[in-house]
C-alpha atoms as a PDB file:
ATOM      1  CA  MET A   1      -4.004  -0.222  14.176  1.00  0.00           C
ATOM      2  CA  SER A   2      -4.375  -1.435  10.604  1.00  0.00           C
ATOM      3  CA  THR A   3      -1.973  -3.994   9.435  1.00  0.00           C
ATOM      4  CA  TYR A   4      -0.836  -4.818   5.932  1.00  0.00           C
ATOM      5  CA  LYS A   5      -2.245  -8.334   6.106  1.00  0.00           C
ATOM      6  CA  ASP A   6      -5.681  -7.028   7.324  1.00  0.00           C
ATOM      7  CA  GLN A   7      -5.887  -4.337   4.735  1.00  0.00           C
ATOM      8  CA  LYS A   8      -4.656  -6.550   1.908  1.00  0.00           C
ATOM      9  CA  ALA A   9      -7.492  -8.895   2.634  1.00  0.00           C
ATOM     10  CA  ASP A  10     -10.126  -6.185   3.100  1.00  0.00           C
ATOM     11  CA  LYS A  11      -8.890  -3.448   0.693  1.00  0.00           C
ATOM     12  CA  PRO A  12     -10.570  -0.729   2.828  1.00  0.00           C
ATOM     13  CA  LYS A  13     -11.998   2.436   1.341  1.00  0.00           C
ATOM     14  CA  ILE A  14      -9.841   5.486   1.928  1.00  0.00           C
ATOM     15  CA  GLU A  15     -12.799   7.377   3.467  1.00  0.00           C
ATOM     16  CA  ASP A  16     -13.216   4.648   6.075  1.00  0.00           C
ATOM     17  CA  VAL A  17      -9.558   4.751   7.106  1.00  0.00           C
ATOM     18  CA  ALA A  18      -9.568   8.569   7.022  1.00  0.00           C
ATOM     19  CA  GLY A  19     -12.591   8.600   9.400  1.00  0.00           C
ATOM     20  CA  LYS A  20     -10.568   6.499  11.897  1.00  0.00           C
ATOM     21  CA  TYR A  21      -7.312   8.466  11.916  1.00  0.00           C
ATOM     22  CA  LEU A  22      -8.093  12.031  10.827  1.00  0.00           C
ATOM     23  CA  ALA A  23     -10.061  14.832  12.413  1.00  0.00           C
ATOM     24  CA  GLY A  24     -10.809  18.512  11.918  1.00  0.00           C
ATOM     25  CA  ASP A  25      -9.345  20.417   8.929  1.00  0.00           C
ATOM     26  CA  ASN A  26      -7.167  17.416   7.937  1.00  0.00           C
ATOM     27  CA  LEU A  27     -10.212  15.165   7.480  1.00  0.00           C
ATOM     28  CA  THR A  28     -12.238  17.976   5.774  1.00  0.00           C
ATOM     29  CA  ASN A  29      -9.375  18.784   3.385  1.00  0.00           C
ATOM     30  CA  LEU A  30      -8.757  15.148   2.553  1.00  0.00           C
ATOM     31  CA  LEU A  31     -12.439  14.510   1.778  1.00  0.00           C
ATOM     32  CA  ASP A  32     -12.537  17.672  -0.362  1.00  0.00           C
ATOM     33  CA  PHE A  33      -9.487  16.455  -2.305  1.00  0.00           C
ATOM     34  CA  LEU A  34     -10.946  12.965  -2.685  1.00  0.00           C
ATOM     35  CA  SER A  35     -14.143  14.480  -4.077  1.00  0.00           C
ATOM     36  CA  PHE A  36     -12.061  16.548  -6.635  1.00  0.00           C
ATOM     37  CA  LEU A  37     -10.144  13.377  -7.627  1.00  0.00           C
ATOM     38  CA  LYS A  38     -13.275  11.364  -8.094  1.00  0.00           C
ATOM     39  CA  ASP A  39     -14.891  14.184 -10.128  1.00  0.00           C
ATOM     40  CA  ASN A  40     -11.832  13.914 -12.376  1.00  0.00           C
ATOM     41  CA  ARG A  41     -12.246  10.189 -12.821  1.00  0.00           C
ATOM     42  CA  LEU A  42      -9.418   9.361 -10.472  1.00  0.00           C
ATOM     43  CA  ASN A  43     -10.732   6.622  -8.189  1.00  0.00           C
ATOM     44  CA  PRO A  44      -8.720   5.339  -5.249  1.00  0.00           C
ATOM     45  CA  ARG A  45      -7.190   1.877  -5.421  1.00  0.00           C
ATOM     46  CA  TRP A  46      -5.766   0.385  -2.230  1.00  0.00           C
ATOM     47  CA  ASP A  47      -1.999   0.006  -2.664  1.00  0.00           C
ATOM     48  CA  TYR A  48      -0.459  -0.659   0.678  1.00  0.00           C
ATOM     49  CA  THR A  49      -1.186  -0.106   4.365  1.00  0.00           C
ATOM     50  CA  ASN A  50      -3.064   3.230   4.640  1.00  0.00           C
ATOM     51  CA  ARG A  51      -1.995   4.151   1.152  1.00  0.00           C
ATOM     52  CA  TRP A  52      -4.035   4.473  -2.085  1.00  0.00           C
ATOM     53  CA  SER A  53      -3.001   5.142  -5.673  1.00  0.00           C
ATOM     54  CA  PHE A  54      -4.924   7.105  -8.302  1.00  0.00           C
ATOM     55  CA  ASN A  55      -4.441   6.272 -11.946  1.00  0.00           C
ATOM     56  CA  TYR A  56      -5.393   7.883 -15.241  1.00  0.00           C
ATOM     57  CA  LYS A  57      -5.172   5.822 -18.472  1.00  0.00           C
ATOM     58  CA  SER A  58      -3.333   3.145 -16.524  1.00  0.00           C
ATOM     59  CA  LYS A  59      -0.690   5.586 -15.411  1.00  0.00           C
ATOM     60  CA  LYS A  60      -0.110   6.748 -11.786  1.00  0.00           C
ATOM     61  CA  VAL A  61      -1.192  10.273 -11.037  1.00  0.00           C
ATOM     62  CA  CYS A  62      -0.687  10.283  -7.285  1.00  0.00           C
ATOM     63  CA  TYR A  63      -0.669   8.429  -4.045  1.00  0.00           C
ATOM     64  CA  ILE A  64      -2.321   9.423  -0.744  1.00  0.00           C
ATOM     65  CA  SER A  65      -1.266   7.959   2.563  1.00  0.00           C
ATOM     66  CA  ILE A  66      -2.836   8.369   6.002  1.00  0.00           C
ATOM     67  CA  SER A  67      -0.821   8.147   9.200  1.00  0.00           C
ATOM     68  CA  ASP A  68      -2.228   5.804  11.822  1.00  0.00           C
ATOM     69  CA  SER A  69      -0.219   7.452  14.569  1.00  0.00           C
ATOM     70  CA  GLU A  70      -0.923  11.151  14.015  1.00  0.00           C
ATOM     71  CA  ASN A  71      -3.695  13.294  12.591  1.00  0.00           C
ATOM     72  CA  ALA A  72      -1.955  13.476   9.199  1.00  0.00           C
ATOM     73  CA  TRP A  73      -2.232  12.573   5.537  1.00  0.00           C
ATOM     74  CA  THR A  74       0.225  13.057   2.655  1.00  0.00           C
ATOM     75  CA  PHE A  75      -0.247  13.652  -1.070  1.00  0.00           C
ATOM     76  CA  PHE A  76       2.525  12.266  -3.276  1.00  0.00           C
ATOM     77  CA  PRO A  77       2.213  13.573  -6.855  1.00  0.00           C
ATOM     78  CA  GLN A  78       3.535  10.947  -9.256  1.00  0.00           C
ATOM     79  CA  GLY A  79       6.050  11.662 -12.002  1.00  0.00           C
ATOM     80  CA  ILE A  80       7.936  14.321 -10.058  1.00  0.00           C
ATOM     81  CA  SER A  81      10.357  11.915  -8.582  1.00  0.00           C
ATOM     82  CA  LEU A  82      13.871  11.820  -9.754  1.00  0.00           C
ATOM     83  CA  LYS A  83      13.177   8.334 -11.070  1.00  0.00           C
ATOM     84  CA  SER A  84      11.296  10.194 -13.851  1.00  0.00           C
ATOM     85  CA  THR A  85      12.848  10.543 -17.178  1.00  0.00           C
ATOM     86  CA  ASP A  86      14.148  13.858 -18.482  1.00  0.00           C
ATOM     87  CA  LYS A  87      11.096  13.762 -20.767  1.00  0.00           C
ATOM     88  CA  TRP A  88       8.769  13.904 -17.710  1.00  0.00           C
ATOM     89  CA  PHE A  89      10.683  16.914 -16.331  1.00  0.00           C
ATOM     90  CA  GLU A  90      10.464  18.638 -19.742  1.00  0.00           C
ATOM     91  CA  GLU A  91       6.707  18.080 -19.673  1.00  0.00           C
ATOM     92  CA  TYR A  92       6.387  19.474 -16.157  1.00  0.00           C
ATOM     93  CA  ASN A  93       8.295  22.572 -17.231  1.00  0.00           C
ATOM     94  CA  ARG A  94       5.959  22.951 -20.213  1.00  0.00           C
ATOM     95  CA  HIS A  95       2.706  22.303 -18.342  1.00  0.00           C
ATOM     96  CA  ILE A  96       3.315  23.837 -14.967  1.00  0.00           C
ATOM     97  CA  THR A  97       3.652  27.494 -15.382  1.00  0.00           C
ATOM     98  CA  ASP A  98       1.450  28.654 -12.528  1.00  0.00           C
ATOM     99  CA  GLY A  99       3.652  30.282  -9.858  1.00  0.00           C
ATOM    100  CA  GLY A 100       1.545  28.861  -7.023  1.00  0.00           C
ATOM    101  CA  VAL A 101       1.996  25.314  -8.215  1.00  0.00           C
ATOM    102  CA  LYS A 102       5.715  25.801  -8.630  1.00  0.00           C
ATOM    103  CA  GLU A 103       5.998  27.137  -5.143  1.00  0.00           C
ATOM    104  CA  LEU A 104       3.943  24.217  -3.842  1.00  0.00           C
ATOM    105  CA  VAL A 105       6.370  21.812  -5.495  1.00  0.00           C
ATOM    106  CA  TRP A 106       9.480  23.719  -4.421  1.00  0.00           C
ATOM    107  CA  SER A 107       8.366  24.105  -0.810  1.00  0.00           C
ATOM    108  CA  ASN A 108       7.508  20.374  -0.483  1.00  0.00           C
ATOM    109  CA  LEU A 109      10.675  18.801  -1.777  1.00  0.00           C
ATOM    110  CA  TYR A 110      11.711  15.911   0.373  1.00  0.00           C
ATOM    111  CA  ASN A 111      15.264  16.202   1.608  1.00  0.00           C
ATOM    112  CA  LYS A 112      15.640  13.111   3.667  1.00  0.00           C
ATOM    113  CA  GLU A 113      16.644   9.689   2.508  1.00  0.00           C
ATOM    114  CA  CYS A 114      13.706   7.304   2.468  1.00  0.00           C
ATOM    115  CA  LYS A 115      13.986   3.969   4.115  1.00  0.00           C
ATOM    116  CA  GLY A 116      13.180   1.964   0.971  1.00  0.00           C
ATOM    117  CA  GLY A 117      15.832  -0.321  -0.324  1.00  0.00           C
ATOM    118  CA  LYS A 118      15.555   1.143  -3.781  1.00  0.00           C
ATOM    119  CA  CYS A 119      16.439   4.723  -2.755  1.00  0.00           C
ATOM    120  CA  LYS A 120      19.618   5.936  -4.306  1.00  0.00           C
ATOM    121  CA  GLY A 121      20.027   8.630  -1.750  1.00  0.00           C
ATOM    122  CA  LEU A 122      19.951  12.389  -1.910  1.00  0.00           C
ATOM    123  CA  VAL A 123      20.909  14.089  -5.173  1.00  0.00           C
ATOM    124  CA  ASN A 124      21.103  17.599  -6.518  1.00  0.00           C
ATOM    125  CA  HIS A 125      18.581  18.293  -9.270  1.00  0.00           C
ATOM    126  CA  GLU A 126      16.890  21.061 -11.272  1.00  0.00           C
ATOM    127  CA  ILE A 127      13.181  21.119 -10.881  1.00  0.00           C
ATOM    128  CA  MET A 128      11.050  23.577 -12.825  1.00  0.00           C
ATOM    129  CA  GLY A 129      13.866  26.022 -13.358  1.00  0.00           C
ATOM    130  CA  ARG A 130      15.376  25.918  -9.926  1.00  0.00           C
ATOM    131  CA  VAL A 131      18.359  23.889  -8.649  1.00  0.00           C
ATOM    132  CA  PHE A 132      17.923  22.019  -5.384  1.00  0.00           C
ATOM    133  CA  ASP A 133      20.461  20.254  -3.216  1.00  0.00           C
ATOM    134  CA  ARG A 134      19.817  17.001  -1.487  1.00  0.00           C
ATOM    135  CA  VAL A 135      16.474  15.859  -2.862  1.00  0.00           C
ATOM    136  CA  CYS A 136      15.239  12.294  -2.208  1.00  0.00           C
ATOM    137  CA  PHE A 137      15.573  10.232  -5.340  1.00  0.00           C
ATOM    138  CA  CYS A 138      12.402   8.169  -4.759  1.00  0.00           C
ATOM    139  CA  TRP A 139       9.685  10.559  -3.606  1.00  0.00           C
ATOM    140  CA  SER A 140      10.774  14.090  -4.496  1.00  0.00           C
ATOM    141  CA  ILE A 141       7.504  15.750  -3.537  1.00  0.00           C
ATOM    142  CA  ARG A 142       5.552  15.053  -0.337  1.00  0.00           C
ATOM    143  CA  ILE A 143       2.700  17.419   0.574  1.00  0.00           C
ATOM    144  CA  LYS A 144       1.628  16.775   4.124  1.00  0.00           C
ATOM    145  CA  ASN A 145      -1.677  18.131   5.530  1.00  0.00           C
ATOM    146  CA  PRO A 146      -2.229  20.609   2.748  1.00  0.00           C
ATOM    147  CA  ASP A 147      -4.205  23.669   3.746  1.00  0.00           C
ATOM    148  CA  SER A 148      -6.838  25.242   1.395  1.00  0.00           C
ATOM    149  CA  ALA A 149      -4.276  27.205  -0.673  1.00  0.00           C
ATOM    150  CA  ALA A 150      -2.054  24.125  -0.999  1.00  0.00           C
ATOM    151  CA  LEU A 151      -5.102  22.054  -1.952  1.00  0.00           C
ATOM    152  CA  ASP A 152      -6.000  24.496  -4.718  1.00  0.00           C
ATOM    153  CA  ASN A 153      -2.504  24.221  -6.139  1.00  0.00           C
ATOM    154  CA  SER A 154      -2.444  20.419  -5.684  1.00  0.00           C
ATOM    155  CA  LYS A 155      -5.579  20.221  -7.743  1.00  0.00           C
ATOM    156  CA  LYS A 156      -3.873  22.291 -10.505  1.00  0.00           C
ATOM    157  CA  LEU A 157      -0.920  19.934 -10.235  1.00  0.00           C
ATOM    158  CA  VAL A 158      -3.182  16.836 -10.691  1.00  0.00           C
ATOM    159  CA  ILE A 159      -4.757  18.457 -13.790  1.00  0.00           C
ATOM    160  CA  ALA A 160      -1.279  19.041 -15.133  1.00  0.00           C
ATOM    161  CA  ILE A 161      -0.228  15.402 -14.548  1.00  0.00           C
ATOM    162  CA  LYS A 162      -3.402  14.199 -16.262  1.00  0.00           C
ATOM    163  CA  THR A 163      -2.703  16.481 -19.273  1.00  0.00           C
ATOM    164  CA  ILE A 164       0.849  15.151 -19.505  1.00  0.00           C
ATOM    165  CA  ILE A 165      -0.374  11.594 -19.378  1.00  0.00           C
ATOM    166  CA  ALA A 166      -3.113  12.282 -21.983  1.00  0.00           C
ATOM    167  CA  ASP A 167      -0.553  13.942 -24.273  1.00  0.00           C
ATOM    168  CA  SER A 168       1.858  11.030 -23.893  1.00  0.00           C
ATOM    169  CA  VAL A 169      -0.867   8.487 -24.600  1.00  0.00           C
ATOM    170  CA  THR A 170      -2.058  10.474 -27.618  1.00  0.00           C
ATOM    171  CA  ALA A 171       1.564  10.756 -28.885  1.00  0.00           C
ATOM    172  CA  CYS A 172       2.043   6.971 -28.579  1.00  0.00           C
ATOM    173  CA  LYS A 173      -1.053   6.368 -30.694  1.00  0.00           C
ATOM    174  CA  ALA A 174       0.007   8.793 -33.442  1.00  0.00           C
END
């Protein structure tokens, strides 16, 4: 089992850890998603035990974590947490119009309190035109073991997040 101390010293590649803990479709789908991320200039950076972040223009696009106790990985799109400002939610509403992406987000809302000390608990919130009860404040969206359809929509979501970041960076320079 990987420990924080070991990984902090080694900063392992996500592909190496994936090869240890994932198999079958879960491994194949993760490697496909990693290839897509890298093709879009989103390279993994070790963040924490079995977790990597992906940045664009110094802003977080997403995290990926790999379970060391089950054949599972999770995609956490950044910016769709309730920590986000209303401006971020406005941008999501503007950029995410694809019904499949909205369904992906809506069907993967996290409705359990996380164990982190910063969590403010479960709240009600409107996300992309729909009101939801009891959504985790910290990590609103968690996409676990996405299948091929969920991967396609996750890729569209990543492109939307990159566009939002690019627009915000460009607006700051204007």
